[in-house]
Full PDB file with SEQRES, HELIX, SHEET, SSBOND, CRYST1, ORIGX, SCALE, CONECT and MASTER records, all heavy atoms in Angstrom:
SEQRES   1 A   34  ARG THR PHE SER ASN TYR ALA MET GLY TRP PHE ARG GLN          
SEQRES   2 A   34  ALA PRO GLY LYS GLU ARG GLU PHE VAL ALA ALA ILE GLY          
SEQRES   3 A   34  TRP ARG GLY ASP ILE THR HIS TYR                              
HELIX    1 AA1 PHE A    3  ASN A    5  5                                   3    
SHEET    1 AA1 3 MET A   8  ARG A  12  0                                        
SHEET    2 AA1 3 GLU A  20  ILE A  25 -1                                        
SHEET    3 AA1 3 THR A  32  HIS A  33 -1                                        
CRYST1    1.000    1.000    1.000  90.00  90.00  90.00 P 1           1          
ORIGX1      1.000000  0.000000  0.000000        0.00000                         
ORIGX2      0.000000  1.000000  0.000000        0.00000                         
ORIGX3      0.000000  0.000000  1.000000        0.00000                         
SCALE1      1.000000  0.000000  0.000000        0.00000                         
SCALE2      0.000000  1.000000  0.000000        0.00000                         
SCALE3      0.000000  0.000000  1.000000        0.00000                         
ATOM      1  N   ARG A   1       2.914  10.978 -12.818  1.00  0.00           N  
ATOM      2  CA  ARG A   1       1.487  11.327 -12.655  1.00  0.00           C  
ATOM      3  C   ARG A   1       1.348  12.087 -11.330  1.00  0.00           C  
ATOM      4  O   ARG A   1       2.238  12.094 -10.502  1.00  0.00           O  
ATOM      5  CB  ARG A   1       0.607  10.070 -12.663  1.00  0.00           C  
ATOM      6  CG  ARG A   1       0.528   9.342 -13.990  1.00  0.00           C  
ATOM      7  CD  ARG A   1      -0.279  10.110 -15.012  1.00  0.00           C  
ATOM      8  NE  ARG A   1      -0.482   9.321 -16.219  1.00  0.00           N  
ATOM      9  CZ  ARG A   1       0.309   9.338 -17.289  1.00  0.00           C  
ATOM     10  NH1 ARG A   1       1.397  10.085 -17.251  1.00  0.00           N  
ATOM     11  NH2 ARG A   1       0.027   8.615 -18.315  1.00  0.00           N  
ATOM     12  N   THR A   2       0.199  12.684 -11.131  1.00  0.00           N  
ATOM     13  CA  THR A   2      -0.102  13.374  -9.880  1.00  0.00           C  
ATOM     14  C   THR A   2      -0.273  12.361  -8.753  1.00  0.00           C  
ATOM     15  O   THR A   2      -1.241  11.591  -8.754  1.00  0.00           O  
ATOM     16  CB  THR A   2      -1.332  14.259 -10.001  1.00  0.00           C  
ATOM     17  OG1 THR A   2      -1.147  15.150 -11.098  1.00  0.00           O  
ATOM     18  CG2 THR A   2      -1.559  15.041  -8.732  1.00  0.00           C  
ATOM     19  N   PHE A   3       0.671  12.353  -7.808  1.00  0.00           N  
ATOM     20  CA  PHE A   3       0.671  11.346  -6.760  1.00  0.00           C  
ATOM     21  C   PHE A   3      -0.596  11.370  -5.923  1.00  0.00           C  
ATOM     22  O   PHE A   3      -1.101  10.309  -5.499  1.00  0.00           O  
ATOM     23  CB  PHE A   3       1.879  11.607  -5.876  1.00  0.00           C  
ATOM     24  CG  PHE A   3       2.117  10.590  -4.788  1.00  0.00           C  
ATOM     25  CD1 PHE A   3       2.165   9.208  -5.099  1.00  0.00           C  
ATOM     26  CD2 PHE A   3       2.284  10.949  -3.488  1.00  0.00           C  
ATOM     27  CE1 PHE A   3       2.369   8.286  -4.107  1.00  0.00           C  
ATOM     28  CE2 PHE A   3       2.508  10.028  -2.477  1.00  0.00           C  
ATOM     29  CZ  PHE A   3       2.575   8.666  -2.809  1.00  0.00           C  
ATOM     30  N   SER A   4      -1.169  12.523  -5.709  1.00  0.00           N  
ATOM     31  CA  SER A   4      -2.381  12.623  -4.879  1.00  0.00           C  
ATOM     32  C   SER A   4      -3.588  12.049  -5.559  1.00  0.00           C  
ATOM     33  O   SER A   4      -4.663  11.959  -4.940  1.00  0.00           O  
ATOM     34  CB  SER A   4      -2.639  14.065  -4.476  1.00  0.00           C  
ATOM     35  OG  SER A   4      -2.776  14.879  -5.624  1.00  0.00           O  
ATOM     36  N   ASN A   5      -3.474  11.650  -6.788  1.00  0.00           N  
ATOM     37  CA  ASN A   5      -4.600  10.964  -7.488  1.00  0.00           C  
ATOM     38  C   ASN A   5      -4.624   9.464  -7.235  1.00  0.00           C  
ATOM     39  O   ASN A   5      -5.402   8.774  -7.866  1.00  0.00           O  
ATOM     40  CB  ASN A   5      -4.510  11.212  -8.985  1.00  0.00           C  
ATOM     41  CG  ASN A   5      -4.881  12.636  -9.373  1.00  0.00           C  
ATOM     42  OD1 ASN A   5      -5.458  13.385  -8.584  1.00  0.00           O  
ATOM     43  ND2 ASN A   5      -4.536  13.058 -10.573  1.00  0.00           N  
ATOM     44  N   TYR A   6      -3.744   8.991  -6.393  1.00  0.00           N  
ATOM     45  CA  TYR A   6      -3.604   7.565  -6.128  1.00  0.00           C  
ATOM     46  C   TYR A   6      -3.672   7.237  -4.656  1.00  0.00           C  
ATOM     47  O   TYR A   6      -3.039   7.937  -3.817  1.00  0.00           O  
ATOM     48  CB  TYR A   6      -2.247   7.068  -6.670  1.00  0.00           C  
ATOM     49  CG  TYR A   6      -2.135   7.124  -8.157  1.00  0.00           C  
ATOM     50  CD1 TYR A   6      -1.830   8.315  -8.804  1.00  0.00           C  
ATOM     51  CD2 TYR A   6      -2.305   5.988  -8.928  1.00  0.00           C  
ATOM     52  CE1 TYR A   6      -1.702   8.371 -10.192  1.00  0.00           C  
ATOM     53  CE2 TYR A   6      -2.155   6.011 -10.320  1.00  0.00           C  
ATOM     54  CZ  TYR A   6      -1.883   7.219 -10.946  1.00  0.00           C  
ATOM     55  OH  TYR A   6      -1.766   7.280 -12.293  1.00  0.00           O  
ATOM     56  N   ALA A   7      -4.336   6.142  -4.309  1.00  0.00           N  
ATOM     57  CA  ALA A   7      -4.121   5.505  -3.031  1.00  0.00           C  
ATOM     58  C   ALA A   7      -2.781   4.749  -3.118  1.00  0.00           C  
ATOM     59  O   ALA A   7      -2.310   4.447  -4.222  1.00  0.00           O  
ATOM     60  CB  ALA A   7      -5.244   4.562  -2.698  1.00  0.00           C  
ATOM     61  N   MET A   8      -2.186   4.492  -1.983  1.00  0.00           N  
ATOM     62  CA  MET A   8      -0.880   3.810  -2.004  1.00  0.00           C  
ATOM     63  C   MET A   8      -0.878   2.675  -1.036  1.00  0.00           C  
ATOM     64  O   MET A   8      -1.549   2.689   0.030  1.00  0.00           O  
ATOM     65  CB  MET A   8       0.207   4.820  -1.598  1.00  0.00           C  
ATOM     66  CG  MET A   8       1.617   4.345  -1.854  1.00  0.00           C  
ATOM     67  SD  MET A   8       2.839   5.419  -1.087  1.00  0.00           S  
ATOM     68  CE  MET A   8       2.729   4.855   0.603  1.00  0.00           C  
ATOM     69  N   GLY A   9      -0.079   1.654  -1.402  1.00  0.00           N  
ATOM     70  CA  GLY A   9       0.039   0.507  -0.489  1.00  0.00           C  
ATOM     71  C   GLY A   9       1.456   0.014  -0.438  1.00  0.00           C  
ATOM     72  O   GLY A   9       2.284   0.341  -1.279  1.00  0.00           O  
ATOM     73  N   TRP A  10       1.715  -0.795   0.602  1.00  0.00           N  
ATOM     74  CA  TRP A  10       2.997  -1.509   0.712  1.00  0.00           C  
ATOM     75  C   TRP A  10       2.689  -3.002   0.819  1.00  0.00           C  
ATOM     76  O   TRP A  10       1.799  -3.426   1.562  1.00  0.00           O  
ATOM     77  CB  TRP A  10       3.753  -1.064   1.963  1.00  0.00           C  
ATOM     78  CG  TRP A  10       4.394   0.279   1.844  1.00  0.00           C  
ATOM     79  CD1 TRP A  10       3.831   1.479   2.262  1.00  0.00           C  
ATOM     80  CD2 TRP A  10       5.648   0.602   1.321  1.00  0.00           C  
ATOM     81  NE1 TRP A  10       4.699   2.510   1.991  1.00  0.00           N  
ATOM     82  CE2 TRP A  10       5.841   1.987   1.425  1.00  0.00           C  
ATOM     83  CE3 TRP A  10       6.692  -0.159   0.741  1.00  0.00           C  
ATOM     84  CZ2 TRP A  10       7.011   2.630   0.968  1.00  0.00           C  
ATOM     85  CZ3 TRP A  10       7.844   0.472   0.305  1.00  0.00           C  
ATOM     86  CH2 TRP A  10       7.985   1.853   0.431  1.00  0.00           C  
ATOM     87  N   PHE A  11       3.490  -3.772   0.085  1.00  0.00           N  
ATOM     88  CA  PHE A  11       3.368  -5.235   0.093  1.00  0.00           C  
ATOM     89  C   PHE A  11       4.775  -5.735   0.400  1.00  0.00           C  
ATOM     90  O   PHE A  11       5.773  -5.031   0.297  1.00  0.00           O  
ATOM     91  CB  PHE A  11       2.904  -5.762  -1.236  1.00  0.00           C  
ATOM     92  CG  PHE A  11       1.439  -5.558  -1.499  1.00  0.00           C  
ATOM     93  CD1 PHE A  11       0.934  -4.306  -1.783  1.00  0.00           C  
ATOM     94  CD2 PHE A  11       0.570  -6.654  -1.462  1.00  0.00           C  
ATOM     95  CE1 PHE A  11      -0.406  -4.111  -2.025  1.00  0.00           C  
ATOM     96  CE2 PHE A  11      -0.807  -6.441  -1.708  1.00  0.00           C  
ATOM     97  CZ  PHE A  11      -1.281  -5.196  -1.995  1.00  0.00           C  
ATOM     98  N   ARG A  12       4.882  -7.048   0.731  1.00  0.00           N  
ATOM     99  CA  ARG A  12       6.172  -7.668   0.905  1.00  0.00           C  
ATOM    100  C   ARG A  12       6.116  -9.113   0.431  1.00  0.00           C  
ATOM    101  O   ARG A  12       5.065  -9.744   0.403  1.00  0.00           O  
ATOM    102  CB  ARG A  12       6.611  -7.616   2.396  1.00  0.00           C  
ATOM    103  CG  ARG A  12       5.753  -8.395   3.362  1.00  0.00           C  
ATOM    104  CD  ARG A  12       6.172  -8.123   4.792  1.00  0.00           C  
ATOM    105  NE  ARG A  12       5.371  -8.841   5.761  1.00  0.00           N  
ATOM    106  CZ  ARG A  12       5.453  -8.684   7.066  1.00  0.00           C  
ATOM    107  NH1 ARG A  12       6.331  -7.819   7.566  1.00  0.00           N  
ATOM    108  NH2 ARG A  12       4.689  -9.378   7.903  1.00  0.00           N  
ATOM    109  N   GLN A  13       7.289  -9.583   0.061  1.00  0.00           N  
ATOM    110  CA  GLN A  13       7.418 -10.954  -0.459  1.00  0.00           C  
ATOM    111  C   GLN A  13       8.673 -11.612   0.084  1.00  0.00           C  
ATOM    112  O   GLN A  13       9.769 -11.153  -0.217  1.00  0.00           O  
ATOM    113  CB  GLN A  13       7.379 -10.998  -1.984  1.00  0.00           C  
ATOM    114  CG  GLN A  13       7.284 -12.392  -2.559  1.00  0.00           C  
ATOM    115  CD  GLN A  13       6.960 -12.348  -4.044  1.00  0.00           C  
ATOM    116  OE1 GLN A  13       7.101 -11.352  -4.725  1.00  0.00           O  
ATOM    117  NE2 GLN A  13       6.477 -13.467  -4.575  1.00  0.00           N  
ATOM    118  N   ALA A  14       8.478 -12.621   0.888  1.00  0.00           N  
ATOM    119  CA  ALA A  14       9.582 -13.395   1.422  1.00  0.00           C  
ATOM    120  C   ALA A  14       9.922 -14.530   0.470  1.00  0.00           C  
ATOM    121  O   ALA A  14       9.069 -14.958  -0.323  1.00  0.00           O  
ATOM    122  CB  ALA A  14       9.236 -13.946   2.806  1.00  0.00           C  
ATOM    123  N   PRO A  15      11.137 -15.052   0.518  1.00  0.00           N  
ATOM    124  CA  PRO A  15      11.525 -16.154  -0.391  1.00  0.00           C  
ATOM    125  C   PRO A  15      10.564 -17.348  -0.282  1.00  0.00           C  
ATOM    126  O   PRO A  15      10.264 -17.799   0.822  1.00  0.00           O  
ATOM    127  CB  PRO A  15      12.940 -16.527   0.097  1.00  0.00           C  
ATOM    128  CG  PRO A  15      13.451 -15.264   0.740  1.00  0.00           C  
ATOM    129  CD  PRO A  15      12.252 -14.632   1.369  1.00  0.00           C  
ATOM    130  N   GLY A  16      10.077 -17.792  -1.418  1.00  0.00           N  
ATOM    131  CA  GLY A  16       9.228 -18.941  -1.472  1.00  0.00           C  
ATOM    132  C   GLY A  16       7.788 -18.668  -1.075  1.00  0.00           C  
ATOM    133  O   GLY A  16       6.999 -19.636  -0.994  1.00  0.00           O  
ATOM    134  N   LYS A  17       7.473 -17.416  -0.821  1.00  0.00           N  
ATOM    135  CA  LYS A  17       6.086 -17.080  -0.409  1.00  0.00           C  
ATOM    136  C   LYS A  17       5.462 -16.111  -1.405  1.00  0.00           C  
ATOM    137  O   LYS A  17       6.130 -15.455  -2.172  1.00  0.00           O  
ATOM    138  CB  LYS A  17       6.099 -16.470   0.993  1.00  0.00           C  
ATOM    139  CG  LYS A  17       6.566 -17.432   2.079  1.00  0.00           C  
ATOM    140  CD  LYS A  17       6.367 -16.820   3.440  1.00  0.00           C  
ATOM    141  CE  LYS A  17       6.765 -17.820   4.546  1.00  0.00           C  
ATOM    142  NZ  LYS A  17       6.541 -17.261   5.878  1.00  0.00           N  
ATOM    143  N   GLU A  18       4.130 -16.013  -1.312  1.00  0.00           N  
ATOM    144  CA  GLU A  18       3.429 -15.068  -2.162  1.00  0.00           C  
ATOM    145  C   GLU A  18       3.575 -13.656  -1.629  1.00  0.00           C  
ATOM    146  O   GLU A  18       3.836 -13.454  -0.427  1.00  0.00           O  
ATOM    147  CB  GLU A  18       1.935 -15.463  -2.215  1.00  0.00           C  
ATOM    148  CG  GLU A  18       1.670 -16.772  -2.952  1.00  0.00           C  
ATOM    149  CD  GLU A  18       0.184 -17.015  -3.146  1.00  0.00           C  
ATOM    150  OE1 GLU A  18      -0.634 -16.248  -2.622  1.00  0.00           O  
ATOM    151  OE2 GLU A  18      -0.160 -17.967  -3.857  1.00  0.00           O  
ATOM    152  N   ARG A  19       3.405 -12.722  -2.509  1.00  0.00           N  
ATOM    153  CA  ARG A  19       3.413 -11.320  -2.099  1.00  0.00           C  
ATOM    154  C   ARG A  19       2.210 -11.033  -1.211  1.00  0.00           C  
ATOM    155  O   ARG A  19       1.081 -11.401  -1.563  1.00  0.00           O  
ATOM    156  CB  ARG A  19       3.412 -10.429  -3.318  1.00  0.00           C  
ATOM    157  CG  ARG A  19       3.764  -8.980  -3.047  1.00  0.00           C  
ATOM    158  CD  ARG A  19       3.952  -8.188  -4.334  1.00  0.00           C  
ATOM    159  NE  ARG A  19       5.077  -8.710  -5.110  1.00  0.00           N  
ATOM    160  CZ  ARG A  19       5.552  -8.127  -6.190  1.00  0.00           C  
ATOM    161  NH1 ARG A  19       5.043  -6.963  -6.626  1.00  0.00           N  
ATOM    162  NH2 ARG A  19       6.559  -8.670  -6.839  1.00  0.00           N  
ATOM    163  N   GLU A  20       2.453 -10.398  -0.075  1.00  0.00           N  
ATOM    164  CA  GLU A  20       1.384 -10.170   0.875  1.00  0.00           C  
ATOM    165  C   GLU A  20       1.214  -8.684   1.187  1.00  0.00           C  
ATOM    166  O   GLU A  20       2.180  -7.952   1.208  1.00  0.00           O  
ATOM    167  CB  GLU A  20       1.596 -10.962   2.177  1.00  0.00           C  
ATOM    168  CG  GLU A  20       2.803 -10.510   2.974  1.00  0.00           C  
ATOM    169  CD  GLU A  20       2.867 -11.209   4.341  1.00  0.00           C  
ATOM    170  OE1 GLU A  20       1.986 -11.993   4.692  1.00  0.00           O  
ATOM    171  OE2 GLU A  20       3.844 -10.932   5.062  1.00  0.00           O  
ATOM    172  N   PHE A  21      -0.032  -8.344   1.530  1.00  0.00           N  
ATOM    173  CA  PHE A  21      -0.362  -6.946   1.884  1.00  0.00           C  
ATOM    174  C   PHE A  21       0.228  -6.606   3.233  1.00  0.00           C  
ATOM    175  O   PHE A  21       0.221  -7.390   4.173  1.00  0.00           O  
ATOM    176  CB  PHE A  21      -1.878  -6.838   1.939  1.00  0.00           C  
ATOM    177  CG  PHE A  21      -2.382  -5.567   2.503  1.00  0.00           C  
ATOM    178  CD1 PHE A  21      -2.392  -4.403   1.737  1.00  0.00           C  
ATOM    179  CD2 PHE A  21      -2.841  -5.474   3.819  1.00  0.00           C  
ATOM    180  CE1 PHE A  21      -2.847  -3.206   2.280  1.00  0.00           C  
ATOM    181  CE2 PHE A  21      -3.303  -4.313   4.373  1.00  0.00           C  
ATOM    182  CZ  PHE A  21      -3.322  -3.163   3.566  1.00  0.00           C  
ATOM    183  N   VAL A  22       0.733  -5.354   3.322  1.00  0.00           N  
ATOM    184  CA  VAL A  22       1.262  -4.851   4.598  1.00  0.00           C  
ATOM    185  C   VAL A  22       0.412  -3.688   5.089  1.00  0.00           C  
ATOM    186  O   VAL A  22      -0.079  -3.680   6.223  1.00  0.00           O  
ATOM    187  CB  VAL A  22       2.727  -4.368   4.430  1.00  0.00           C  
ATOM    188  CG1 VAL A  22       3.250  -3.756   5.725  1.00  0.00           C  
ATOM    189  CG2 VAL A  22       3.611  -5.579   4.044  1.00  0.00           C  
ATOM    190  N   ALA A  23       0.237  -2.667   4.236  1.00  0.00           N  
ATOM    191  CA  ALA A  23      -0.469  -1.465   4.679  1.00  0.00           C  
ATOM    192  C   ALA A  23      -0.953  -0.688   3.464  1.00  0.00           C  
ATOM    193  O   ALA A  23      -0.411  -0.838   2.373  1.00  0.00           O  
ATOM    194  CB  ALA A  23       0.406  -0.601   5.543  1.00  0.00           C  
ATOM    195  N   ALA A  24      -1.975   0.171   3.677  1.00  0.00           N  
ATOM    196  CA  ALA A  24      -2.493   1.007   2.605  1.00  0.00           C  
ATOM    197  C   ALA A  24      -2.885   2.352   3.192  1.00  0.00           C  
ATOM    198  O   ALA A  24      -3.187   2.425   4.401  1.00  0.00           O  
ATOM    199  CB  ALA A  24      -3.669   0.365   1.868  1.00  0.00           C  
ATOM    200  N   ILE A  25      -2.891   3.391   2.357  1.00  0.00           N  
ATOM    201  CA  ILE A  25      -3.248   4.754   2.772  1.00  0.00           C  
ATOM    202  C   ILE A  25      -4.016   5.403   1.685  1.00  0.00           C  
ATOM    203  O   ILE A  25      -3.721   5.254   0.510  1.00  0.00           O  
ATOM    204  CB  ILE A  25      -1.967   5.537   3.168  1.00  0.00           C  
ATOM    205  CG1 ILE A  25      -2.321   6.863   3.802  1.00  0.00           C  
ATOM    206  CG2 ILE A  25      -1.047   5.701   1.966  1.00  0.00           C  
ATOM    207  CD1 ILE A  25      -1.126   7.547   4.458  1.00  0.00           C  
ATOM    208  N   GLY A  26      -5.047   6.165   2.071  1.00  0.00           N  
ATOM    209  CA  GLY A  26      -5.857   6.841   1.101  1.00  0.00           C  
ATOM    210  C   GLY A  26      -5.101   8.022   0.473  1.00  0.00           C  
ATOM    211  O   GLY A  26      -4.052   8.449   0.929  1.00  0.00           O  
ATOM    212  N   TRP A  27      -5.739   8.601  -0.577  1.00  0.00           N  
ATOM    213  CA  TRP A  27      -5.030   9.622  -1.333  1.00  0.00           C  
ATOM    214  C   TRP A  27      -4.764  10.896  -0.519  1.00  0.00           C  
ATOM    215  O   TRP A  27      -3.768  11.584  -0.739  1.00  0.00           O  
ATOM    216  CB  TRP A  27      -5.799   9.974  -2.605  1.00  0.00           C  
ATOM    217  CG  TRP A  27      -7.121  10.647  -2.373  1.00  0.00           C  
ATOM    218  CD1 TRP A  27      -8.319  10.043  -2.123  1.00  0.00           C  
ATOM    219  CD2 TRP A  27      -7.384  12.041  -2.354  1.00  0.00           C  
ATOM    220  NE1 TRP A  27      -9.312  10.943  -1.978  1.00  0.00           N  
ATOM    221  CE2 TRP A  27      -8.781  12.189  -2.101  1.00  0.00           C  
ATOM    222  CE3 TRP A  27      -6.626  13.194  -2.537  1.00  0.00           C  
ATOM    223  CZ2 TRP A  27      -9.376  13.431  -2.034  1.00  0.00           C  
ATOM    224  CZ3 TRP A  27      -7.208  14.413  -2.481  1.00  0.00           C  
ATOM    225  CH2 TRP A  27      -8.561  14.540  -2.212  1.00  0.00           C  
ATOM    226  N   ARG A  28      -5.596  11.175   0.462  1.00  0.00           N  
ATOM    227  CA  ARG A  28      -5.380  12.339   1.299  1.00  0.00           C  
ATOM    228  C   ARG A  28      -4.460  12.054   2.495  1.00  0.00           C  
ATOM    229  O   ARG A  28      -4.045  12.990   3.203  1.00  0.00           O  
ATOM    230  CB  ARG A  28      -6.727  12.872   1.794  1.00  0.00           C  
ATOM    231  CG  ARG A  28      -7.552  13.547   0.720  1.00  0.00           C  
ATOM    232  CD  ARG A  28      -8.795  14.201   1.277  1.00  0.00           C  
ATOM    233  NE  ARG A  28      -9.710  13.212   1.860  1.00  0.00           N  
ATOM    234  CZ  ARG A  28     -10.961  13.501   2.199  1.00  0.00           C  
ATOM    235  NH1 ARG A  28     -11.446  14.733   2.066  1.00  0.00           N  
ATOM    236  NH2 ARG A  28     -11.738  12.554   2.658  1.00  0.00           N  
ATOM    237  N   GLY A  29      -4.228  10.795   2.786  1.00  0.00           N  
ATOM    238  CA  GLY A  29      -3.363  10.421   3.885  1.00  0.00           C  
ATOM    239  C   GLY A  29      -4.052  10.351   5.224  1.00  0.00           C  
ATOM    240  O   GLY A  29      -3.424  10.140   6.248  1.00  0.00           O  
ATOM    241  N   ASP A  30      -5.364  10.440   5.235  1.00  0.00           N  
ATOM    242  CA  ASP A  30      -6.117  10.473   6.503  1.00  0.00           C  
ATOM    243  C   ASP A  30      -6.705   9.111   6.868  1.00  0.00           C  
ATOM    244  O   ASP A  30      -7.180   8.941   7.995  1.00  0.00           O  
ATOM    245  CB  ASP A  30      -7.208  11.521   6.490  1.00  0.00           C  
ATOM    246  CG  ASP A  30      -8.174  11.336   5.317  1.00  0.00           C  
ATOM    247  OD1 ASP A  30      -7.832  10.561   4.376  1.00  0.00           O  
ATOM    248  OD2 ASP A  30      -9.228  11.948   5.328  1.00  0.00           O  
ATOM    249  N   ILE A  31      -6.681   8.166   5.996  1.00  0.00           N  
ATOM    250  CA  ILE A  31      -7.210   6.831   6.280  1.00  0.00           C  
ATOM    251  C   ILE A  31      -6.112   5.821   5.974  1.00  0.00           C  
ATOM    252  O   ILE A  31      -5.497   5.836   4.909  1.00  0.00           O  
ATOM    253  CB  ILE A  31      -8.443   6.552   5.403  1.00  0.00           C  
ATOM    254  CG1 ILE A  31      -9.536   7.597   5.696  1.00  0.00           C  
ATOM    255  CG2 ILE A  31      -8.958   5.134   5.726  1.00  0.00           C  
ATOM    256  CD1 ILE A  31     -10.739   7.471   4.806  1.00  0.00           C  
ATOM    257  N   THR A  32      -5.894   4.921   6.948  1.00  0.00           N  
ATOM    258  CA  THR A  32      -4.894   3.875   6.817  1.00  0.00           C  
ATOM    259  C   THR A  32      -5.439   2.507   7.156  1.00  0.00           C  
ATOM    260  O   THR A  32      -6.498   2.415   7.835  1.00  0.00           O  
ATOM    261  CB  THR A  32      -3.651   4.153   7.675  1.00  0.00           C  
ATOM    262  OG1 THR A  32      -4.078   4.230   9.041  1.00  0.00           O  
ATOM    263  CG2 THR A  32      -2.972   5.457   7.280  1.00  0.00           C  
ATOM    264  N   HIS A  33      -4.775   1.489   6.720  1.00  0.00           N  
ATOM    265  CA  HIS A  33      -5.210   0.114   7.000  1.00  0.00           C  
ATOM    266  C   HIS A  33      -3.964  -0.749   7.023  1.00  0.00           C  
ATOM    267  O   HIS A  33      -3.054  -0.558   6.219  1.00  0.00           O  
ATOM    268  CB  HIS A  33      -6.151  -0.337   5.888  1.00  0.00           C  
ATOM    269  CG  HIS A  33      -6.631  -1.754   6.020  1.00  0.00           C  
ATOM    270  ND1 HIS A  33      -7.345  -2.178   7.127  1.00  0.00           N  
ATOM    271  CD2 HIS A  33      -6.444  -2.849   5.241  1.00  0.00           C  
ATOM    272  CE1 HIS A  33      -7.618  -3.456   6.994  1.00  0.00           C  
ATOM    273  NE2 HIS A  33      -7.064  -3.885   5.851  1.00  0.00           N  
ATOM    274  N   TYR A  34      -3.914  -1.679   8.012  1.00  0.00           N  
ATOM    275  CA  TYR A  34      -2.740  -2.542   8.210  1.00  0.00           C  
ATOM    276  C   TYR A  34      -3.108  -3.997   8.289  1.00  0.00           C  
ATOM    277  O   TYR A  34      -4.200  -4.338   8.801  1.00  0.00           O  
ATOM    278  CB  TYR A  34      -1.999  -2.160   9.486  1.00  0.00           C  
ATOM    279  CG  TYR A  34      -1.492  -0.738   9.514  1.00  0.00           C  
ATOM    280  CD1 TYR A  34      -2.289   0.291  10.017  1.00  0.00           C  
ATOM    281  CD2 TYR A  34      -0.208  -0.416   9.070  1.00  0.00           C  
ATOM    282  CE1 TYR A  34      -1.857   1.597  10.046  1.00  0.00           C  
ATOM    283  CE2 TYR A  34       0.239   0.875   9.103  1.00  0.00           C  
ATOM    284  CZ  TYR A  34      -0.575   1.880   9.586  1.00  0.00           C  
ATOM    285  OH  TYR A  34      -0.103   3.186   9.620  1.00  0.00           O  
TER     286      TYR A  34                                                      
MASTER        0    0    0    1    3    0    0    6  285    1    0    3          
END                                                                             
């Protein structure tokens, strides 16, 4: 699909723990959140 049609995020999951949010970025790349 067209990648620029999506916001993107990174998550992580350590053993025995729930998946947790790390960072996100808007579709244009100009807005981020950590």
